[in-house]
Amino acid sequence: MVNIQKAAMIGCGFVGSSSAFAMMRTGVFSELVLLDVDQGRAEGEAMDIAHGLPFSRPMKIYAGNYSDLADCALIVISAGANQKPGETRLDLVKKNVSILRTIIPQITAVNRQAILLIVSNPVDILTWAAQKLSGLPSRQVIGSGTVLDTARLKYLLGERLRVDSRSVHAFIIGEHGDSELPVWSGANISGVDLDHFCQLRGEKDHRNMMDLIYRDVRDSAYEIIQRKGATYYGIAASVARIAQCIVRDERSVMPVSVNLEGLYGVEDLCMSVPAVVGRDGAEKVLEIELSREERSAFQKSAQTLKEVAESLEI
């Protein structure tokens, strides 16, 4: 029997520790266990995060081992090599699949009921690999996908159009990486078609503006890594949001990485598309309407990932 308010974070680097802190701040967990190949690092992060509890809500945070995962409802995996300047997310694949090969069997040996949330990059390939290695149902193994990319899109559109980013409704889908694409055909500002809203805001060349914003979203990780060496706050907020959604059984729609199983004409491959996320993980994967150009771009993104997946021989 799992405890829906107990979670684990495997990997306590920049992303893992920042995500653990963000999860603590949600106030929805009663227990959070941290694991890292460097036990001292996990202990230090647990201590540091716990010192912020007087400003949040009571819970238990500690460094543990795989036996502590037996009753976790959510297990987040952020362990892996970091993306270096000039390196693509796909360049990381062989290093991080090797790490997954050691982690997944230790998880499934003690717990086959938890939702696995993959955060390590390349997240779509690693989500696919984690499902293959674990043998768990596809709904139970999800990746953080393009939740962060979508947030970046909403933020930049909101800034340009001088509107609250929470009123912006648009998705980035496909690979969490260079071949990702925006779904402009369905984008709107609280129900107002994006093209029309751009006109209302005096954007005369809004198509060019939208393309520039998409490029900024796609390349933002490279820009941040070039300046500070790593990205972690944005993804930490995304992980906390997904985790909160699962614990509260919110059934919110978000673009997580899931096995498409024939949807969008893609078989046996994990990609980021809108899905209903709740206590059971990706409860329903949504096949949203795409324009002809968007569907073509999505197929190209799928082919990019398929070639990598097939090279892994999992």
Protein backbone atom coordinates (compact mmCIF):
# COMPACT_ATOMS: atom_id res chain seq x y z
CA MET A 1 0.00 0.00 0.00
CA VAL A 2 1.51 3.33 -1.05
CA ASN A 3 1.25 6.61 0.81
CA ILE A 4 -0.07 9.19 -1.67
CA GLN A 5 1.70 11.96 0.25
CA LYS A 6 5.10 10.29 0.18
CA ALA A 7 7.54 10.99 -2.66
CA ALA A 8 11.16 10.29 -3.49
CA MET A 9 13.77 12.23 -5.45
CA ILE A 10 16.54 10.17 -7.05
CA GLY A 11 19.43 12.45 -7.95
CA CYS A 12 20.33 15.49 -5.86
CA GLY A 13 22.18 17.66 -8.34
CA PHE A 14 21.01 21.16 -9.28
CA VAL A 15 17.74 19.93 -10.80
CA GLY A 16 16.97 17.30 -8.17
CA SER A 17 17.67 19.48 -5.13
CA SER A 18 15.84 22.49 -6.62
CA SER A 19 12.87 20.27 -7.47
CA ALA A 20 12.84 18.77 -3.96
CA PHE A 21 12.79 22.28 -2.50
CA ALA A 22 9.96 23.29 -4.83
CA MET A 23 8.02 20.14 -3.89
CA MET A 24 8.47 20.96 -0.20
CA ARG A 25 7.05 24.44 -0.84
CA THR A 26 3.81 23.00 -2.31
CA GLY A 27 2.84 21.79 1.16
CA VAL A 28 1.13 18.65 -0.20
CA PHE A 29 3.68 16.06 0.94
CA SER A 30 4.01 14.43 4.35
CA GLU A 31 7.29 12.70 3.52
CA LEU A 32 10.09 13.21 1.01
CA VAL A 33 13.12 10.93 0.75
CA LEU A 34 16.24 11.95 -1.19
CA LEU A 35 18.63 9.49 -2.84
CA ASP A 36 21.93 10.13 -4.55
CA VAL A 37 25.01 8.12 -5.43
CA ASP A 38 26.77 10.61 -3.16
CA GLN A 39 25.07 9.87 0.18
CA GLY A 40 26.63 12.93 1.82
CA ARG A 41 25.16 15.17 -0.88
CA ALA A 42 21.69 13.72 -0.27
CA GLU A 43 22.07 14.23 3.48
CA GLY A 44 23.23 17.81 3.05
CA GLU A 45 20.37 18.69 0.70
CA ALA A 46 17.82 17.08 3.05
CA MET A 47 19.17 19.11 5.97
CA ASP A 48 19.19 22.35 4.00
CA ILE A 49 15.65 21.92 2.67
CA ALA A 50 14.34 20.85 6.08
CA HIS A 51 15.55 24.11 7.59
CA GLY A 52 12.91 25.87 5.49
CA LEU A 53 10.03 23.87 6.96
CA PRO A 54 9.15 26.52 9.60
CA PHE A 55 8.15 28.72 6.63
CA SER A 56 6.10 25.99 4.96
CA ARG A 57 4.14 23.06 6.39
CA PRO A 58 5.22 20.14 8.59
CA MET A 59 6.66 17.14 6.77
CA LYS A 60 9.54 14.66 7.01
CA ILE A 61 12.57 15.15 4.72
CA TYR A 62 15.54 12.82 4.88
CA ALA A 63 18.24 11.04 2.88
CA GLY A 64 17.49 7.37 2.42
CA ASN A 65 18.02 4.28 0.28
CA TYR A 66 15.96 2.20 -2.13
CA SER A 67 14.19 0.28 0.65
CA ASP A 68 12.62 3.61 1.69
CA LEU A 69 10.80 3.75 -1.65
CA ALA A 70 8.52 0.80 -0.89
CA ASP A 71 5.50 2.96 0.01
CA CYS A 72 6.17 6.00 -2.19
CA ALA A 73 3.33 7.03 -4.49
CA LEU A 74 5.61 9.20 -6.62
CA ILE A 75 9.25 8.63 -7.53
CA VAL A 76 11.03 11.42 -9.41
CA ILE A 77 14.21 10.56 -11.30
CA SER A 78 16.56 13.45 -12.00
CA ALA A 79 19.80 11.49 -11.80
CA GLY A 80 22.09 11.75 -14.79
CA ALA A 81 24.84 13.67 -16.53
CA ASN A 82 24.32 17.40 -16.99
CA GLN A 83 23.99 19.06 -20.37
CA LYS A 84 27.20 20.93 -21.15
CA PRO A 85 27.60 24.11 -23.25
CA GLY A 86 27.28 23.19 -26.93
CA GLU A 87 25.80 19.76 -26.12
CA THR A 88 22.26 18.81 -27.17
CA ARG A 89 19.89 16.90 -24.92
CA LEU A 90 20.12 13.93 -27.28
CA ASP A 91 23.90 13.85 -26.85
CA LEU A 92 23.31 12.76 -23.26
CA VAL A 93 21.28 9.70 -24.14
CA LYS A 94 23.77 6.82 -23.79
CA LYS A 95 25.22 8.15 -20.53
CA ASN A 96 21.83 8.55 -18.92
CA VAL A 97 20.25 5.35 -20.22
CA SER A 98 23.18 3.53 -18.59
CA ILE A 99 22.34 5.24 -15.29
CA LEU A 100 18.66 4.25 -15.68
CA ARG A 101 19.69 0.62 -16.13
CA THR A 102 21.06 0.67 -12.57
CA ILE A 103 18.24 2.70 -11.01
CA ILE A 104 15.05 1.15 -12.42
CA PRO A 105 15.61 -2.46 -11.23
CA GLN A 106 16.25 -1.20 -7.69
CA ILE A 107 12.96 0.72 -7.76
CA THR A 108 10.81 -2.09 -9.16
CA ALA A 109 12.32 -4.57 -6.71
CA VAL A 110 10.56 -2.72 -3.86
CA ASN A 111 7.71 -0.81 -5.53
CA ARG A 112 5.67 -1.37 -8.70
CA GLN A 113 2.74 0.87 -7.79
CA ALA A 114 4.39 4.31 -7.77
CA ILE A 115 4.17 6.83 -10.58
CA LEU A 116 7.63 7.30 -12.10
CA LEU A 117 8.29 10.89 -13.16
CA ILE A 118 11.38 11.15 -15.37
CA VAL A 119 13.12 14.52 -15.44
CA SER A 120 16.64 13.63 -16.67
CA ASN A 121 17.45 14.49 -20.29
CA PRO A 122 16.81 13.58 -23.02
CA VAL A 123 13.52 13.19 -21.19
CA ASP A 124 11.40 11.65 -23.98
CA ILE A 125 13.94 8.92 -24.74
CA LEU A 126 14.58 8.26 -21.05
CA THR A 127 10.85 8.04 -20.33
CA TRP A 128 10.56 5.45 -23.11
CA ALA A 129 13.60 3.59 -21.75
CA ALA A 130 12.25 3.69 -18.17
CA GLN A 131 8.97 2.16 -19.26
CA LYS A 132 10.78 -0.57 -21.18
CA LEU A 133 13.16 -1.32 -18.32
CA SER A 134 10.45 -1.27 -15.63
CA GLY A 135 7.69 -3.11 -17.50
CA LEU A 136 5.17 -0.79 -15.84
CA PRO A 137 2.00 0.40 -17.62
CA SER A 138 2.58 3.42 -19.86
CA ARG A 139 0.29 5.66 -17.81
CA GLN A 140 2.51 5.01 -14.78
CA VAL A 141 5.77 6.21 -16.39
CA ILE A 142 5.71 9.83 -17.52
CA GLY A 143 8.29 12.47 -18.25
CA SER A 144 8.31 16.19 -17.41
CA GLY A 145 8.20 16.63 -21.18
CA THR A 146 7.46 20.08 -22.55
CA VAL A 147 5.76 21.41 -19.42
CA LEU A 148 8.68 23.81 -18.95
CA ASP A 149 8.86 24.70 -22.66
CA THR A 150 5.14 25.48 -22.58
CA ALA A 151 5.62 27.67 -19.51
CA ARG A 152 8.41 29.52 -21.32
CA LEU A 153 6.09 30.05 -24.29
CA LYS A 154 3.31 31.39 -22.08
CA TYR A 155 5.71 33.69 -20.24
CA LEU A 156 7.23 35.17 -23.39
CA LEU A 157 3.86 35.62 -25.10
CA GLY A 158 2.48 37.25 -21.97
CA GLU A 159 5.40 39.66 -21.81
CA ARG A 160 5.11 40.60 -25.49
CA LEU A 161 1.32 40.97 -25.46
CA ARG A 162 1.19 42.66 -22.04
CA VAL A 163 -1.15 40.10 -20.52
CA ASP A 164 -0.95 37.71 -17.54
CA SER A 165 0.88 34.58 -18.71
CA ARG A 166 -1.75 32.50 -16.90
CA SER A 167 -4.29 33.77 -19.44
CA VAL A 168 -2.18 32.41 -22.31
CA HIS A 169 -3.30 28.99 -23.53
CA ALA A 170 -0.80 27.35 -25.89
CA PHE A 171 1.32 24.22 -26.05
CA ILE A 172 4.79 23.20 -27.09
CA ILE A 173 4.70 19.54 -28.12
CA GLY A 174 6.98 16.87 -29.61
CA GLU A 175 10.52 16.40 -28.39
CA HIS A 176 11.69 18.32 -25.35
CA GLY A 177 14.55 19.57 -27.48
CA ASP A 178 15.52 21.02 -30.82
CA SER A 179 12.65 19.51 -32.85
CA GLU A 180 9.85 20.67 -30.55
CA LEU A 181 7.02 22.69 -32.07
CA PRO A 182 4.39 25.20 -30.96
CA VAL A 183 0.71 24.49 -31.64
CA TRP A 184 -0.20 27.95 -32.91
CA SER A 185 -3.41 26.69 -34.53
CA GLY A 186 -5.03 26.15 -31.13
CA ALA A 187 -3.42 29.02 -29.19
CA ASN A 188 -5.63 31.62 -27.54
CA ILE A 189 -5.70 34.26 -24.81
CA SER A 190 -8.53 33.22 -22.49
CA GLY A 191 -10.64 32.12 -25.44
CA VAL A 192 -9.66 34.94 -27.79
CA ASP A 193 -7.88 33.61 -30.88
CA LEU A 194 -4.16 34.44 -30.69
CA ASP A 195 -4.06 36.07 -34.13
CA HIS A 196 -6.99 38.32 -33.21
CA PHE A 197 -5.50 39.20 -29.82
CA CYS A 198 -2.21 40.14 -31.49
CA GLN A 199 -4.15 42.51 -33.75
CA LEU A 200 -5.91 44.01 -30.74
CA ARG A 201 -2.48 44.69 -29.21
CA GLY A 202 -1.22 46.38 -32.37
CA GLU A 203 1.16 43.59 -33.45
CA LYS A 204 1.34 44.30 -37.19
CA ASP A 205 3.81 41.53 -38.02
CA HIS A 206 2.65 39.04 -35.42
CA ARG A 207 3.58 35.95 -37.43
CA ASN A 208 7.23 36.97 -37.38
CA MET A 209 6.90 37.84 -33.69
CA MET A 210 5.47 34.38 -32.94
CA ASP A 211 8.32 32.69 -34.81
CA LEU A 212 10.92 34.69 -32.86
CA ILE A 213 9.24 33.75 -29.57
CA TYR A 214 9.23 30.07 -30.55
CA ARG A 215 12.94 30.23 -31.34
CA ASP A 216 13.59 31.89 -27.98
CA VAL A 217 11.70 29.08 -26.25
CA ARG A 218 13.53 26.36 -28.16
CA ASP A 219 16.97 27.86 -27.54
CA SER A 220 16.44 29.22 -24.02
CA ALA A 221 18.15 26.29 -22.28
CA TYR A 222 21.28 26.82 -24.37
CA GLU A 223 21.24 30.54 -23.55
CA ILE A 224 20.88 29.88 -19.82
CA ILE A 225 23.54 27.15 -19.79
CA GLN A 226 25.94 29.46 -21.62
CA ARG A 227 25.43 32.13 -18.95
CA LYS A 228 25.23 30.14 -15.70
CA GLY A 229 26.16 26.56 -16.54
CA ALA A 230 22.81 24.86 -15.90
CA THR A 231 19.05 25.32 -15.79
CA TYR A 232 17.15 24.28 -12.69
CA TYR A 233 14.62 26.77 -11.29
CA GLY A 234 12.18 26.56 -14.19
CA ILE A 235 12.24 22.78 -14.33
CA ALA A 236 11.96 22.61 -10.53
CA ALA A 237 8.73 24.61 -10.68
CA SER A 238 7.48 22.32 -13.45
CA VAL A 239 8.27 19.15 -11.46
CA ALA A 240 6.52 20.55 -8.38
CA ARG A 241 3.46 21.39 -10.48
CA ILE A 242 3.26 17.89 -11.97
CA ALA A 243 3.82 16.32 -8.54
CA GLN A 244 1.12 18.47 -6.97
CA CYS A 245 -1.26 17.47 -9.75
CA ILE A 246 -0.66 13.77 -9.07
CA VAL A 247 -0.98 14.00 -5.28
CA ARG A 248 -4.16 16.10 -5.43
CA ASP A 249 -5.60 14.02 -8.27
CA GLU A 250 -6.26 17.27 -10.11
CA ARG A 251 -6.68 15.75 -13.58
CA SER A 252 -5.08 18.83 -15.10
CA VAL A 253 -4.10 18.88 -18.77
CA MET A 254 -0.37 19.31 -19.28
CA PRO A 255 2.12 18.33 -22.02
CA VAL A 256 4.00 15.50 -20.32
CA SER A 257 6.06 12.88 -22.12
CA VAL A 258 4.01 9.70 -22.59
CA ASN A 259 3.99 6.61 -24.80
CA LEU A 260 1.71 7.54 -27.71
CA GLU A 261 0.76 3.92 -28.57
CA GLY A 262 -0.58 4.81 -32.03
CA LEU A 263 -1.84 8.34 -31.36
CA TYR A 264 -0.69 11.01 -33.82
CA GLY A 265 0.39 8.13 -36.07
CA VAL A 266 3.26 7.28 -33.69
CA GLU A 267 3.77 3.84 -32.20
CA ASP A 268 5.96 2.72 -29.27
CA LEU A 269 7.59 6.09 -28.64
CA CYS A 270 7.35 8.64 -25.84
CA MET A 271 6.75 12.24 -26.87
CA SER A 272 5.32 15.30 -25.18
CA VAL A 273 1.64 15.92 -25.84
CA PRO A 274 -1.27 17.14 -23.69
CA ALA A 275 -2.53 14.52 -21.25
CA VAL A 276 -4.90 14.42 -18.31
CA VAL A 277 -2.64 13.99 -15.28
CA GLY A 278 -3.90 12.76 -11.91
CA ARG A 279 -3.31 10.17 -9.23
CA ASP A 280 -2.97 7.37 -11.77
CA GLY A 281 -0.39 9.28 -13.82
CA ALA A 282 -1.27 10.02 -17.45
CA GLU A 283 -4.92 8.99 -17.18
CA LYS A 284 -5.80 10.03 -20.72
CA VAL A 285 -3.49 11.05 -23.56
CA LEU A 286 -5.19 13.64 -25.78
CA GLU A 287 -4.88 13.67 -29.55
CA ILE A 288 -5.44 17.36 -30.21
CA GLU A 289 -6.15 18.85 -33.62
CA LEU A 290 -3.07 20.01 -35.51
CA SER A 291 -2.70 21.93 -38.74
CA ARG A 292 -1.12 20.18 -41.71
CA GLU A 293 2.18 21.99 -41.08
CA GLU A 294 2.12 21.14 -37.38
CA ARG A 295 1.41 17.47 -38.02
CA SER A 296 4.29 17.33 -40.49
CA ALA A 297 6.64 18.97 -37.96
CA PHE A 298 5.44 16.53 -35.29
CA GLN A 299 6.22 13.57 -37.55
CA LYS A 300 9.73 14.92 -38.15
CA SER A 301 10.20 15.29 -34.39
CA ALA A 302 9.02 11.70 -33.92
CA GLN A 303 11.45 10.44 -36.54
CA THR A 304 14.33 12.20 -34.77
CA LEU A 305 13.47 10.45 -31.51
CA LYS A 306 12.69 7.10 -33.16
CA GLU A 307 16.16 6.89 -34.66
CA VAL A 308 17.72 7.43 -31.24
CA ALA A 309 15.40 4.95 -29.52
CA GLU A 310 16.14 2.23 -32.07
CA SER A 311 19.89 2.69 -31.56
CA LEU A 312 19.61 1.82 -27.86
CA GLU A 313 18.55 -1.82 -28.26
CA ILE A 314 16.40 -1.90 -25.13
